[in-house]
Amino acid sequence: AGYPMLFSRTQACSTLVSASQRVILNDVAVYFEGKQRELALSMSASH
């Protein structure tokens, strides 16, 4: 299963997570989904 964006890019959802932290966490989520996609593609012969 893909990994979703964790935070809105346009709205603050919490005072506990700053705008810069939201960007970092979203970037990590995008990185993780990309790595999962690469893994799935490289293992497609293994179903």
PDB file of all heavy atoms in Angstrom:
ATOM      1  N   ALA A   1       0.846  -1.196   0.000  1.00  0.00           N
ATOM      2  CA  ALA A   1       0.000   0.000   0.000  1.00  0.00           C
ATOM      3  C   ALA A   1       0.881   1.245   0.000  1.00  0.00           C
ATOM      4  O   ALA A   1       1.928   1.275   0.646  1.00  0.00           O
ATOM      5  CB  ALA A   1      -0.905   0.002   1.223  1.00  0.00           C
ATOM      6  N   GLY A   2       0.457   2.242  -0.726  1.00  0.00           N
ATOM      7  CA  GLY A   2       1.194   3.499  -0.767  1.00  0.00           C
ATOM      8  C   GLY A   2       1.163   4.203   0.573  1.00  0.00           C
ATOM      9  O   GLY A   2       0.391   3.849   1.475  1.00  0.00           O
ATOM     10  N   TYR A   3       2.000   5.181   0.719  1.00  0.00           N
ATOM     11  CA  TYR A   3       2.088   5.932   1.961  1.00  0.00           C
ATOM     12  C   TYR A   3       1.582   7.345   1.707  1.00  0.00           C
ATOM     13  O   TYR A   3       2.082   8.043   0.833  1.00  0.00           O
ATOM     14  CB  TYR A   3       3.550   5.963   2.431  1.00  0.00           C
ATOM     15  CG  TYR A   3       3.674   6.091   3.921  1.00  0.00           C
ATOM     16  CD1 TYR A   3       3.534   4.987   4.736  1.00  0.00           C
ATOM     17  CD2 TYR A   3       3.911   7.328   4.498  1.00  0.00           C
ATOM     18  CE1 TYR A   3       3.649   5.109   6.112  1.00  0.00           C
ATOM     19  CE2 TYR A   3       4.019   7.462   5.869  1.00  0.00           C
ATOM     20  CZ  TYR A   3       3.888   6.346   6.673  1.00  0.00           C
ATOM     21  OH  TYR A   3       3.993   6.474   8.021  1.00  0.00           O
ATOM     22  N   PRO A   4       0.567   7.794   2.455  1.00  0.00           N
ATOM     23  CA  PRO A   4      -0.038   9.107   2.175  1.00  0.00           C
ATOM     24  C   PRO A   4       0.797  10.276   2.699  1.00  0.00           C
ATOM     25  O   PRO A   4       1.654  10.107   3.555  1.00  0.00           O
ATOM     26  CB  PRO A   4      -1.356   9.034   2.950  1.00  0.00           C
ATOM     27  CG  PRO A   4      -1.021   8.163   4.120  1.00  0.00           C
ATOM     28  CD  PRO A   4      -0.052   7.123   3.583  1.00  0.00           C
ATOM     29  N   MET A   5       0.481  11.442   2.196  1.00  0.00           N
ATOM     30  CA  MET A   5       1.034  12.662   2.761  1.00  0.00           C
ATOM     31  C   MET A   5       0.494  12.761   4.186  1.00  0.00           C
ATOM     32  O   MET A   5      -0.681  12.486   4.433  1.00  0.00           O
ATOM     33  CB  MET A   5       0.589  13.878   1.965  1.00  0.00           C
ATOM     34  CG  MET A   5       1.098  13.910   0.544  1.00  0.00           C
ATOM     35  SD  MET A   5       2.810  14.348   0.466  1.00  0.00           S
ATOM     36  CE  MET A   5       2.639  16.104   0.433  1.00  0.00           C
ATOM     37  N   LEU A   6       1.323  13.164   5.109  1.00  0.00           N
ATOM     38  CA  LEU A   6       0.913  13.198   6.503  1.00  0.00           C
ATOM     39  C   LEU A   6       0.207  14.494   6.895  1.00  0.00           C
ATOM     40  O   LEU A   6      -0.640  14.500   7.783  1.00  0.00           O
ATOM     41  CB  LEU A   6       2.137  12.982   7.398  1.00  0.00           C
ATOM     42  CG  LEU A   6       2.852  11.645   7.196  1.00  0.00           C
ATOM     43  CD1 LEU A   6       4.133  11.614   8.015  1.00  0.00           C
ATOM     44  CD2 LEU A   6       1.940  10.495   7.569  1.00  0.00           C
ATOM     45  N   PHE A   7       0.558  15.588   6.231  1.00  0.00           N
ATOM     46  CA  PHE A   7       0.031  16.891   6.602  1.00  0.00           C
ATOM     47  C   PHE A   7      -0.351  17.683   5.364  1.00  0.00           C
ATOM     48  O   PHE A   7       0.242  17.516   4.300  1.00  0.00           O
ATOM     49  CB  PHE A   7       1.073  17.699   7.392  1.00  0.00           C
ATOM     50  CG  PHE A   7       1.488  17.036   8.676  1.00  0.00           C
ATOM     51  CD1 PHE A   7       2.636  16.277   8.739  1.00  0.00           C
ATOM     52  CD2 PHE A   7       0.711  17.162   9.810  1.00  0.00           C
ATOM     53  CE1 PHE A   7       3.019  15.646   9.912  1.00  0.00           C
ATOM     54  CE2 PHE A   7       1.080  16.545  10.992  1.00  0.00           C
ATOM     55  CZ  PHE A   7       2.245  15.782  11.051  1.00  0.00           C
ATOM     56  N   SER A   8      -1.301  18.569   5.535  1.00  0.00           N
ATOM     57  CA  SER A   8      -1.670  19.492   4.478  1.00  0.00           C
ATOM     58  C   SER A   8      -0.487  20.405   4.174  1.00  0.00           C
ATOM     59  O   SER A   8       0.224  20.832   5.080  1.00  0.00           O
ATOM     60  CB  SER A   8      -2.871  20.336   4.923  1.00  0.00           C
ATOM     61  OG  SER A   8      -3.070  21.409   4.031  1.00  0.00           O
ATOM     62  N   ARG A   9      -0.305  20.703   2.898  1.00  0.00           N
ATOM     63  CA  ARG A   9       0.758  21.635   2.526  1.00  0.00           C
ATOM     64  C   ARG A   9       0.316  23.094   2.706  1.00  0.00           C
ATOM     65  O   ARG A   9       1.133  23.992   2.719  1.00  0.00           O
ATOM     66  CB  ARG A   9       1.178  21.408   1.081  1.00  0.00           C
ATOM     67  CG  ARG A   9       1.912  20.103   0.864  1.00  0.00           C
ATOM     68  CD  ARG A   9       2.667  20.151  -0.454  1.00  0.00           C
ATOM     69  NE  ARG A   9       3.318  18.896  -0.745  1.00  0.00           N
ATOM     70  CZ  ARG A   9       4.554  18.586  -0.360  1.00  0.00           C
ATOM     71  NH1 ARG A   9       5.243  19.429   0.354  1.00  0.00           N
ATOM     72  NH2 ARG A   9       5.075  17.425  -0.681  1.00  0.00           N
ATOM     73  N   THR A  10      -0.987  23.297   2.839  1.00  0.00           N
ATOM     74  CA  THR A  10      -1.487  24.672   2.860  1.00  0.00           C
ATOM     75  C   THR A  10      -2.085  25.109   4.193  1.00  0.00           C
ATOM     76  O   THR A  10      -2.219  26.297   4.429  1.00  0.00           O
ATOM     77  CB  THR A  10      -2.560  24.869   1.769  1.00  0.00           C
ATOM     78  OG1 THR A  10      -3.620  23.937   1.996  1.00  0.00           O
ATOM     79  CG2 THR A  10      -1.957  24.660   0.389  1.00  0.00           C
ATOM     80  N   GLN A  11      -2.444  24.182   5.054  1.00  0.00           N
ATOM     81  CA  GLN A  11      -3.094  24.562   6.305  1.00  0.00           C
ATOM     82  C   GLN A  11      -2.332  24.026   7.497  1.00  0.00           C
ATOM     83  O   GLN A  11      -1.868  22.890   7.486  1.00  0.00           O
ATOM     84  CB  GLN A  11      -4.515  24.020   6.357  1.00  0.00           C
ATOM     85  CG  GLN A  11      -5.436  24.617   5.325  1.00  0.00           C
ATOM     86  CD  GLN A  11      -6.833  24.039   5.445  1.00  0.00           C
ATOM     87  OE1 GLN A  11      -7.043  23.005   6.032  1.00  0.00           O
ATOM     88  NE2 GLN A  11      -7.793  24.738   4.850  1.00  0.00           N
ATOM     89  N   ALA A  12      -2.250  24.833   8.513  1.00  0.00           N
ATOM     90  CA  ALA A  12      -1.671  24.371   9.770  1.00  0.00           C
ATOM     91  C   ALA A  12      -2.715  23.514  10.470  1.00  0.00           C
ATOM     92  O   ALA A  12      -3.865  23.898  10.598  1.00  0.00           O
ATOM     93  CB  ALA A  12      -1.287  25.550  10.639  1.00  0.00           C
ATOM     94  N   CYS A  13      -2.322  22.339  10.881  1.00  0.00           N
ATOM     95  CA  CYS A  13      -3.281  21.446  11.516  1.00  0.00           C
ATOM     96  C   CYS A  13      -3.008  21.292  13.003  1.00  0.00           C
ATOM     97  O   CYS A  13      -3.787  20.679  13.710  1.00  0.00           O
ATOM     98  CB  CYS A  13      -3.273  20.091  10.819  1.00  0.00           C
ATOM     99  SG  CYS A  13      -1.662  19.329  10.828  1.00  0.00           S
ATOM    100  N   SER A  14      -1.902  21.816  13.437  1.00  0.00           N
ATOM    101  CA  SER A  14      -1.545  21.638  14.834  1.00  0.00           C
ATOM    102  C   SER A  14      -0.496  22.663  15.227  1.00  0.00           C
ATOM    103  O   SER A  14       0.329  23.066  14.421  1.00  0.00           O
ATOM    104  CB  SER A  14      -0.984  20.234  15.047  1.00  0.00           C
ATOM    105  OG  SER A  14      -0.385  20.114  16.303  1.00  0.00           O
ATOM    106  N   THR A  15      -0.524  23.049  16.468  1.00  0.00           N
ATOM    107  CA  THR A  15       0.537  23.923  16.966  1.00  0.00           C
ATOM    108  C   THR A  15       1.749  23.103  17.387  1.00  0.00           C
ATOM    109  O   THR A  15       2.799  23.659  17.699  1.00  0.00           O
ATOM    110  CB  THR A  15       0.036  24.753  18.158  1.00  0.00           C
ATOM    111  OG1 THR A  15      -0.422  23.865  19.188  1.00  0.00           O
ATOM    112  CG2 THR A  15      -1.086  25.680  17.743  1.00  0.00           C
ATOM    113  N   LEU A  16       1.615  21.786  17.392  1.00  0.00           N
ATOM    114  CA  LEU A  16       2.719  20.910  17.803  1.00  0.00           C
ATOM    115  C   LEU A  16       3.710  20.651  16.672  1.00  0.00           C
ATOM    116  O   LEU A  16       4.841  20.255  16.919  1.00  0.00           O
ATOM    117  CB  LEU A  16       2.164  19.572  18.305  1.00  0.00           C
ATOM    118  CG  LEU A  16       1.236  19.652  19.519  1.00  0.00           C
ATOM    119  CD1 LEU A  16       0.674  18.284  19.844  1.00  0.00           C
ATOM    120  CD2 LEU A  16       1.958  20.254  20.718  1.00  0.00           C
ATOM    121  N   VAL A  17       3.267  20.849  15.434  1.00  0.00           N
ATOM    122  CA  VAL A  17       4.120  20.578  14.276  1.00  0.00           C
ATOM    123  C   VAL A  17       4.227  21.861  13.458  1.00  0.00           C
ATOM    124  O   VAL A  17       3.231  22.352  12.937  1.00  0.00           O
ATOM    125  CB  VAL A  17       3.543  19.430  13.406  1.00  0.00           C
ATOM    126  CG1 VAL A  17       4.447  19.126  12.233  1.00  0.00           C
ATOM    127  CG2 VAL A  17       3.314  18.188  14.255  1.00  0.00           C
ATOM    128  N   SER A  18       5.434  22.372  13.352  1.00  0.00           N
ATOM    129  CA  SER A  18       5.635  23.633  12.625  1.00  0.00           C
ATOM    130  C   SER A  18       5.527  23.414  11.117  1.00  0.00           C
ATOM    131  O   SER A  18       5.542  22.273  10.632  1.00  0.00           O
ATOM    132  CB  SER A  18       7.014  24.207  12.945  1.00  0.00           C
ATOM    133  OG  SER A  18       8.026  23.399  12.351  1.00  0.00           O
ATOM    134  N   ALA A  19       5.432  24.501  10.375  1.00  0.00           N
ATOM    135  CA  ALA A  19       5.343  24.426   8.917  1.00  0.00           C
ATOM    136  C   ALA A  19       6.572  23.727   8.341  1.00  0.00           C
ATOM    137  O   ALA A  19       6.448  22.887   7.447  1.00  0.00           O
ATOM    138  CB  ALA A  19       5.187  25.826   8.329  1.00  0.00           C
ATOM    139  N   SER A  20       7.751  24.043   8.840  1.00  0.00           N
ATOM    140  CA  SER A  20       8.969  23.406   8.312  1.00  0.00           C
ATOM    141  C   SER A  20       9.005  21.917   8.657  1.00  0.00           C
ATOM    142  O   SER A  20       9.455  21.100   7.854  1.00  0.00           O
ATOM    143  CB  SER A  20      10.221  24.111   8.828  1.00  0.00           C
ATOM    144  OG  SER A  20      10.299  24.037  10.233  1.00  0.00           O
ATOM    145  N   GLN A  21       8.505  21.551   9.826  1.00  0.00           N
ATOM    146  CA  GLN A  21       8.444  20.135  10.195  1.00  0.00           C
ATOM    147  C   GLN A  21       7.448  19.380   9.312  1.00  0.00           C
ATOM    148  O   GLN A  21       7.696  18.236   8.924  1.00  0.00           O
ATOM    149  CB  GLN A  21       8.065  19.972  11.664  1.00  0.00           C
ATOM    150  CG  GLN A  21       9.158  20.416  12.614  1.00  0.00           C
ATOM    151  CD  GLN A  21       8.677  20.485  14.054  1.00  0.00           C
ATOM    152  OE1 GLN A  21       7.526  20.835  14.330  1.00  0.00           O
ATOM    153  NE2 GLN A  21       9.571  20.140  14.975  1.00  0.00           N
ATOM    154  N   ARG A  22       6.321  20.035   8.992  1.00  0.00           N
ATOM    155  CA  ARG A  22       5.340  19.395   8.102  1.00  0.00           C
ATOM    156  C   ARG A  22       5.958  19.114   6.742  1.00  0.00           C
ATOM    157  O   ARG A  22       5.743  18.052   6.163  1.00  0.00           O
ATOM    158  CB  ARG A  22       4.096  20.270   7.961  1.00  0.00           C
ATOM    159  CG  ARG A  22       3.236  20.304   9.213  1.00  0.00           C
ATOM    160  CD  ARG A  22       1.849  20.894   8.958  1.00  0.00           C
ATOM    161  NE  ARG A  22       1.850  22.177   8.280  1.00  0.00           N
ATOM    162  CZ  ARG A  22       1.894  23.360   8.880  1.00  0.00           C
ATOM    163  NH1 ARG A  22       1.981  23.433  10.197  1.00  0.00           N
ATOM    164  NH2 ARG A  22       1.853  24.467   8.187  1.00  0.00           N
ATOM    165  N   VAL A  23       6.728  20.048   6.229  1.00  0.00           N
ATOM    166  CA  VAL A  23       7.393  19.854   4.937  1.00  0.00           C
ATOM    167  C   VAL A  23       8.343  18.659   5.010  1.00  0.00           C
ATOM    168  O   VAL A  23       8.346  17.797   4.137  1.00  0.00           O
ATOM    169  CB  VAL A  23       8.142  21.134   4.500  1.00  0.00           C
ATOM    170  CG1 VAL A  23       9.052  20.866   3.315  1.00  0.00           C
ATOM    171  CG2 VAL A  23       7.152  22.238   4.181  1.00  0.00           C
ATOM    172  N   ILE A  24       9.143  18.601   6.057  1.00  0.00           N
ATOM    173  CA  ILE A  24      10.097  17.497   6.216  1.00  0.00           C
ATOM    174  C   ILE A  24       9.369  16.164   6.309  1.00  0.00           C
ATOM    175  O   ILE A  24       9.730  15.191   5.618  1.00  0.00           O
ATOM    176  CB  ILE A  24      10.985  17.723   7.460  1.00  0.00           C
ATOM    177  CG1 ILE A  24      11.929  18.893   7.235  1.00  0.00           C
ATOM    178  CG2 ILE A  24      11.770  16.454   7.806  1.00  0.00           C
ATOM    179  CD1 ILE A  24      12.626  19.393   8.494  1.00  0.00           C
ATOM    180  N   LEU A  25       8.338  16.095   7.135  1.00  0.00           N
ATOM    181  CA  LEU A  25       7.608  14.840   7.303  1.00  0.00           C
ATOM    182  C   LEU A  25       6.892  14.421   6.018  1.00  0.00           C
ATOM    183  O   LEU A  25       6.859  13.237   5.676  1.00  0.00           O
ATOM    184  CB  LEU A  25       6.635  14.949   8.473  1.00  0.00           C
ATOM    185  CG  LEU A  25       7.309  15.066   9.843  1.00  0.00           C
ATOM    186  CD1 LEU A  25       6.292  15.413  10.908  1.00  0.00           C
ATOM    187  CD2 LEU A  25       8.059  13.788  10.195  1.00  0.00           C
ATOM    188  N   ASN A  26       6.332  15.370   5.286  1.00  0.00           N
ATOM    189  CA  ASN A  26       5.717  15.047   3.997  1.00  0.00           C
ATOM    190  C   ASN A  26       6.768  14.554   3.000  1.00  0.00           C
ATOM    191  O   ASN A  26       6.526  13.607   2.252  1.00  0.00           O
ATOM    192  CB  ASN A  26       4.971  16.248   3.432  1.00  0.00           C
ATOM    193  CG  ASN A  26       3.611  16.424   4.047  1.00  0.00           C
ATOM    194  OD1 ASN A  26       3.021  15.492   4.590  1.00  0.00           O
ATOM    195  ND2 ASN A  26       3.090  17.641   3.973  1.00  0.00           N
ATOM    196  N   ASP A  27       7.930  15.194   2.987  1.00  0.00           N
ATOM    197  CA  ASP A  27       8.999  14.757   2.088  1.00  0.00           C
ATOM    198  C   ASP A  27       9.447  13.338   2.414  1.00  0.00           C
ATOM    199  O   ASP A  27       9.720  12.542   1.513  1.00  0.00           O
ATOM    200  CB  ASP A  27      10.190  15.711   2.153  1.00  0.00           C
ATOM    201  CG  ASP A  27       9.918  17.045   1.481  1.00  0.00           C
ATOM    202  OD1 ASP A  27       8.898  17.174   0.768  1.00  0.00           O
ATOM    203  OD2 ASP A  27      10.725  17.977   1.691  1.00  0.00           O
ATOM    204  N   VAL A  28       9.506  13.005   3.690  1.00  0.00           N
ATOM    205  CA  VAL A  28       9.880  11.645   4.100  1.00  0.00           C
ATOM    206  C   VAL A  28       8.815  10.652   3.643  1.00  0.00           C
ATOM    207  O   VAL A  28       9.133   9.561   3.163  1.00  0.00           O
ATOM    208  CB  VAL A  28      10.116  11.575   5.625  1.00  0.00           C
ATOM    209  CG1 VAL A  28      10.235  10.146   6.104  1.00  0.00           C
ATOM    210  CG2 VAL A  28      11.365  12.357   5.992  1.00  0.00           C
ATOM    211  N   ALA A  29       7.541  11.024   3.765  1.00  0.00           N
ATOM    212  CA  ALA A  29       6.458  10.146   3.310  1.00  0.00           C
ATOM    213  C   ALA A  29       6.558   9.898   1.809  1.00  0.00           C
ATOM    214  O   ALA A  29       6.393   8.767   1.343  1.00  0.00           O
ATOM    215  CB  ALA A  29       5.100  10.741   3.674  1.00  0.00           C
ATOM    216  N   VAL A  30       6.847  10.939   1.046  1.00  0.00           N
ATOM    217  CA  VAL A  30       7.002  10.806  -0.408  1.00  0.00           C
ATOM    218  C   VAL A  30       8.201   9.902  -0.724  1.00  0.00           C
ATOM    219  O   VAL A  30       8.137   9.034  -1.602  1.00  0.00           O
ATOM    220  CB  VAL A  30       7.155  12.193  -1.078  1.00  0.00           C
ATOM    221  CG1 VAL A  30       7.597  12.076  -2.522  1.00  0.00           C
ATOM    222  CG2 VAL A  30       5.849  12.965  -0.968  1.00  0.00           C
ATOM    223  N   TYR A  31       9.289  10.075  -0.004  1.00  0.00           N
ATOM    224  CA  TYR A  31      10.484   9.243  -0.194  1.00  0.00           C
ATOM    225  C   TYR A  31      10.153   7.780   0.083  1.00  0.00           C
ATOM    226  O   TYR A  31      10.523   6.896  -0.695  1.00  0.00           O
ATOM    227  CB  TYR A  31      11.599   9.726   0.730  1.00  0.00           C
ATOM    228  CG  TYR A  31      12.883   8.945   0.607  1.00  0.00           C
ATOM    229  CD1 TYR A  31      13.768   9.198  -0.438  1.00  0.00           C
ATOM    230  CD2 TYR A  31      13.202   7.955   1.523  1.00  0.00           C
ATOM    231  CE1 TYR A  31      14.945   8.486  -0.556  1.00  0.00           C
ATOM    232  CE2 TYR A  31      14.382   7.231   1.408  1.00  0.00           C
ATOM    233  CZ  TYR A  31      15.249   7.499   0.364  1.00  0.00           C
ATOM    234  OH  TYR A  31      16.408   6.772   0.250  1.00  0.00           O
ATOM    235  N   PHE A  32       9.442   7.520   1.187  1.00  0.00           N
ATOM    236  CA  PHE A  32       9.092   6.148   1.550  1.00  0.00           C
ATOM    237  C   PHE A  32       8.205   5.520   0.488  1.00  0.00           C
ATOM    238  O   PHE A  32       8.429   4.377   0.076  1.00  0.00           O
ATOM    239  CB  PHE A  32       8.395   6.133   2.912  1.00  0.00           C
ATOM    240  CG  PHE A  32       8.118   4.765   3.464  1.00  0.00           C
ATOM    241  CD1 PHE A  32       8.971   3.702   3.237  1.00  0.00           C
ATOM    242  CD2 PHE A  32       7.003   4.547   4.247  1.00  0.00           C
ATOM    243  CE1 PHE A  32       8.721   2.445   3.772  1.00  0.00           C
ATOM    244  CE2 PHE A  32       6.735   3.301   4.777  1.00  0.00           C
ATOM    245  CZ  PHE A  32       7.593   2.242   4.531  1.00  0.00           C
ATOM    246  N   GLU A  33       7.214   6.250   0.012  1.00  0.00           N
ATOM    247  CA  GLU A  33       6.345   5.693  -1.024  1.00  0.00           C
ATOM    248  C   GLU A  33       7.141   5.395  -2.296  1.00  0.00           C
ATOM    249  O   GLU A  33       6.938   4.373  -2.943  1.00  0.00           O
ATOM    250  CB  GLU A  33       5.184   6.616  -1.348  1.00  0.00           C
ATOM    251  CG  GLU A  33       4.286   5.977  -2.394  1.00  0.00           C
ATOM    252  CD  GLU A  33       3.008   6.729  -2.644  1.00  0.00           C
ATOM    253  OE1 GLU A  33       2.811   7.832  -2.109  1.00  0.00           O
ATOM    254  OE2 GLU A  33       2.193   6.190  -3.392  1.00  0.00           O
ATOM    255  N   GLY A  34       8.057   6.274  -2.649  1.00  0.00           N
ATOM    256  CA  GLY A  34       8.889   6.034  -3.827  1.00  0.00           C
ATOM    257  C   GLY A  34       9.736   4.782  -3.684  1.00  0.00           C
ATOM    258  O   GLY A  34       9.881   3.992  -4.620  1.00  0.00           O
ATOM    259  N   LYS A  35      10.295   4.578  -2.508  1.00  0.00           N
ATOM    260  CA  LYS A  35      11.109   3.376  -2.263  1.00  0.00           C
ATOM    261  C   LYS A  35      10.243   2.126  -2.315  1.00  0.00           C
ATOM    262  O   LYS A  35      10.669   1.089  -2.846  1.00  0.00           O
ATOM    263  CB  LYS A  35      11.823   3.474  -0.910  1.00  0.00           C
ATOM    264  CG  LYS A  35      12.950   4.471  -0.911  1.00  0.00           C
ATOM    265  CD  LYS A  35      14.005   4.016  -1.895  1.00  0.00           C
ATOM    266  CE  LYS A  35      15.204   4.910  -1.927  1.00  0.00           C
ATOM    267  NZ  LYS A  35      16.255   4.435  -2.815  1.00  0.00           N
ATOM    268  N   GLN A  36       9.024   2.196  -1.783  1.00  0.00           N
ATOM    269  CA  GLN A  36       8.117   1.049  -1.871  1.00  0.00           C
ATOM    270  C   GLN A  36       7.760   0.761  -3.327  1.00  0.00           C
ATOM    271  O   GLN A  36       7.696  -0.398  -3.739  1.00  0.00           O
ATOM    272  CB  GLN A  36       6.834   1.303  -1.083  1.00  0.00           C
ATOM    273  CG  GLN A  36       6.973   1.115   0.389  1.00  0.00           C
ATOM    274  CD  GLN A  36       5.629   1.185   1.085  1.00  0.00           C
ATOM    275  OE1 GLN A  36       4.790   2.021   0.759  1.00  0.00           O
ATOM    276  NE2 GLN A  36       5.438   0.326   2.052  1.00  0.00           N
ATOM    277  N   ARG A  37       7.519   1.804  -4.096  1.00  0.00           N
ATOM    278  CA  ARG A  37       7.177   1.633  -5.511  1.00  0.00           C
ATOM    279  C   ARG A  37       8.350   0.970  -6.259  1.00  0.00           C
ATOM    280  O   ARG A  37       8.159   0.044  -7.040  1.00  0.00           O
ATOM    281  CB  ARG A  37       6.839   2.983  -6.139  1.00  0.00           C
ATOM    282  CG  ARG A  37       6.354   2.898  -7.578  1.00  0.00           C
ATOM    283  CD  ARG A  37       5.953   4.268  -8.107  1.00  0.00           C
ATOM    284  NE  ARG A  37       5.015   4.960  -7.255  1.00  0.00           N
ATOM    285  CZ  ARG A  37       3.699   4.732  -7.220  1.00  0.00           C
ATOM    286  NH1 ARG A  37       3.180   3.824  -8.004  1.00  0.00           N
ATOM    287  NH2 ARG A  37       2.913   5.426  -6.412  1.00  0.00           N
ATOM    288  N   GLU A  38       9.570   1.440  -6.004  1.00  0.00           N
ATOM    289  CA  GLU A  38      10.752   0.834  -6.618  1.00  0.00           C
ATOM    290  C   GLU A  38      10.863  -0.636  -6.239  1.00  0.00           C
ATOM    291  O   GLU A  38      11.180  -1.485  -7.083  1.00  0.00           O
ATOM    292  CB  GLU A  38      12.030   1.552  -6.168  1.00  0.00           C
ATOM    293  CG  GLU A  38      12.221   2.924  -6.744  1.00  0.00           C
ATOM    294  CD  GLU A  38      13.436   3.635  -6.136  1.00  0.00           C
ATOM    295  OE1 GLU A  38      14.275   2.981  -5.478  1.00  0.00           O
ATOM    296  OE2 GLU A  38      13.536   4.858  -6.329  1.00  0.00           O
ATOM    297  N   LEU A  39      10.617  -0.942  -4.980  1.00  0.00           N
ATOM    298  CA  LEU A  39      10.683  -2.322  -4.504  1.00  0.00           C
ATOM    299  C   LEU A  39       9.654  -3.180  -5.226  1.00  0.00           C
ATOM    300  O   LEU A  39       9.981  -4.261  -5.723  1.00  0.00           O
ATOM    301  CB  LEU A  39      10.454  -2.377  -2.989  1.00  0.00           C
ATOM    302  CG  LEU A  39      10.405  -3.762  -2.361  1.00  0.00           C
ATOM    303  CD1 LEU A  39      11.722  -4.503  -2.555  1.00  0.00           C
ATOM    304  CD2 LEU A  39      10.065  -3.644  -0.876  1.00  0.00           C
ATOM    305  N   ALA A  40       8.423  -2.705  -5.297  1.00  0.00           N
ATOM    306  CA  ALA A  40       7.367  -3.473  -5.968  1.00  0.00           C
ATOM    307  C   ALA A  40       7.709  -3.708  -7.437  1.00  0.00           C
ATOM    308  O   ALA A  40       7.547  -4.817  -7.943  1.00  0.00           O
ATOM    309  CB  ALA A  40       6.030  -2.759  -5.832  1.00  0.00           C
ATOM    310  N   LEU A  41       8.199  -2.682  -8.106  1.00  0.00           N
ATOM    311  CA  LEU A  41       8.557  -2.841  -9.523  1.00  0.00           C
ATOM    312  C   LEU A  41       9.707  -3.824  -9.703  1.00  0.00           C
ATOM    313  O   LEU A  41       9.701  -4.636 -10.630  1.00  0.00           O
ATOM    314  CB  LEU A  41       8.916  -1.483 -10.136  1.00  0.00           C
ATOM    315  CG  LEU A  41       7.748  -0.518 -10.308  1.00  0.00           C
ATOM    316  CD1 LEU A  41       8.263   0.864 -10.729  1.00  0.00           C
ATOM    317  CD2 LEU A  41       6.749  -1.057 -11.325  1.00  0.00           C
ATOM    318  N   SER A  42      10.685  -3.771  -8.808  1.00  0.00           N
ATOM    319  CA  SER A  42      11.840  -4.669  -8.940  1.00  0.00           C
ATOM    320  C   SER A  42      11.477  -6.105  -8.604  1.00  0.00           C
ATOM    321  O   SER A  42      12.192  -7.034  -8.997  1.00  0.00           O
ATOM    322  CB  SER A  42      12.992  -4.196  -8.041  1.00  0.00           C
ATOM    323  OG  SER A  42      12.702  -4.449  -6.673  1.00  0.00           O
ATOM    324  N   MET A  43      10.361  -6.304  -7.888  1.00  0.00           N
ATOM    325  CA  MET A  43       9.947  -7.653  -7.505  1.00  0.00           C
ATOM    326  C   MET A  43       8.673  -8.101  -8.216  1.00  0.00           C
ATOM    327  O   MET A  43       8.023  -9.039  -7.788  1.00  0.00           O
ATOM    328  CB  MET A  43       9.755  -7.722  -5.980  1.00  0.00           C
ATOM    329  CG  MET A  43      11.028  -7.488  -5.189  1.00  0.00           C
ATOM    330  SD  MET A  43      10.797  -7.811  -3.441  1.00  0.00           S
ATOM    331  CE  MET A  43      10.682  -9.607  -3.441  1.00  0.00           C
ATOM    332  N   SER A  44       8.339  -7.447  -9.308  1.00  0.00           N
ATOM    333  CA  SER A  44       7.089  -7.790  -9.995  1.00  0.00           C
ATOM    334  C   SER A  44       7.077  -9.227 -10.484  1.00  0.00           C
ATOM    335  O   SER A  44       6.028  -9.871 -10.528  1.00  0.00           O
ATOM    336  CB  SER A  44       6.838  -6.826 -11.153  1.00  0.00           C
ATOM    337  OG  SER A  44       7.866  -6.932 -12.129  1.00  0.00           O
ATOM    338  N   ALA A  45       8.242  -9.787 -10.811  1.00  0.00           N
ATOM    339  CA  ALA A  45       8.301 -11.191 -11.235  1.00  0.00           C
ATOM    340  C   ALA A  45       7.971 -12.136 -10.082  1.00  0.00           C
ATOM    341  O   ALA A  45       7.597 -13.291 -10.314  1.00  0.00           O
ATOM    342  CB  ALA A  45       9.687 -11.514 -11.795  1.00  0.00           C
ATOM    343  N   SER A  46       8.066 -11.631  -8.855  1.00  0.00           N
ATOM    344  CA  SER A  46       7.725 -12.422  -7.667  1.00  0.00           C
ATOM    345  C   SER A  46       6.310 -12.118  -7.192  1.00  0.00           C
ATOM    346  O   SER A  46       5.959 -12.373  -6.049  1.00  0.00           O
ATOM    347  CB  SER A  46       8.723 -12.125  -6.536  1.00  0.00           C
ATOM    348  OG  SER A  46      10.019 -12.486  -6.915  1.00  0.00           O
ATOM    349  N   HIS A  47       5.502 -11.557  -8.096  1.00  0.00           N
ATOM    350  CA  HIS A  47       4.093 -11.253  -7.813  1.00  0.00           C
ATOM    351  C   HIS A  47       3.924 -10.180  -6.734  1.00  0.00           C
ATOM    352  O   HIS A  47       2.989 -10.232  -5.952  1.00  0.00           O
ATOM    353  CB  HIS A  47       3.314 -12.511  -7.433  1.00  0.00           C
ATOM    354  CG  HIS A  47       3.383 -13.593  -8.454  1.00  0.00           C
ATOM    355  ND1 HIS A  47       2.696 -13.526  -9.631  1.00  0.00           N
ATOM    356  CD2 HIS A  47       4.087 -14.743  -8.482  1.00  0.00           C
ATOM    357  CE1 HIS A  47       2.955 -14.608 -10.348  1.00  0.00           C
ATOM    358  NE2 HIS A  47       3.810 -15.352  -9.667  1.00  0.00           N
TER     359      HIS A  47
END
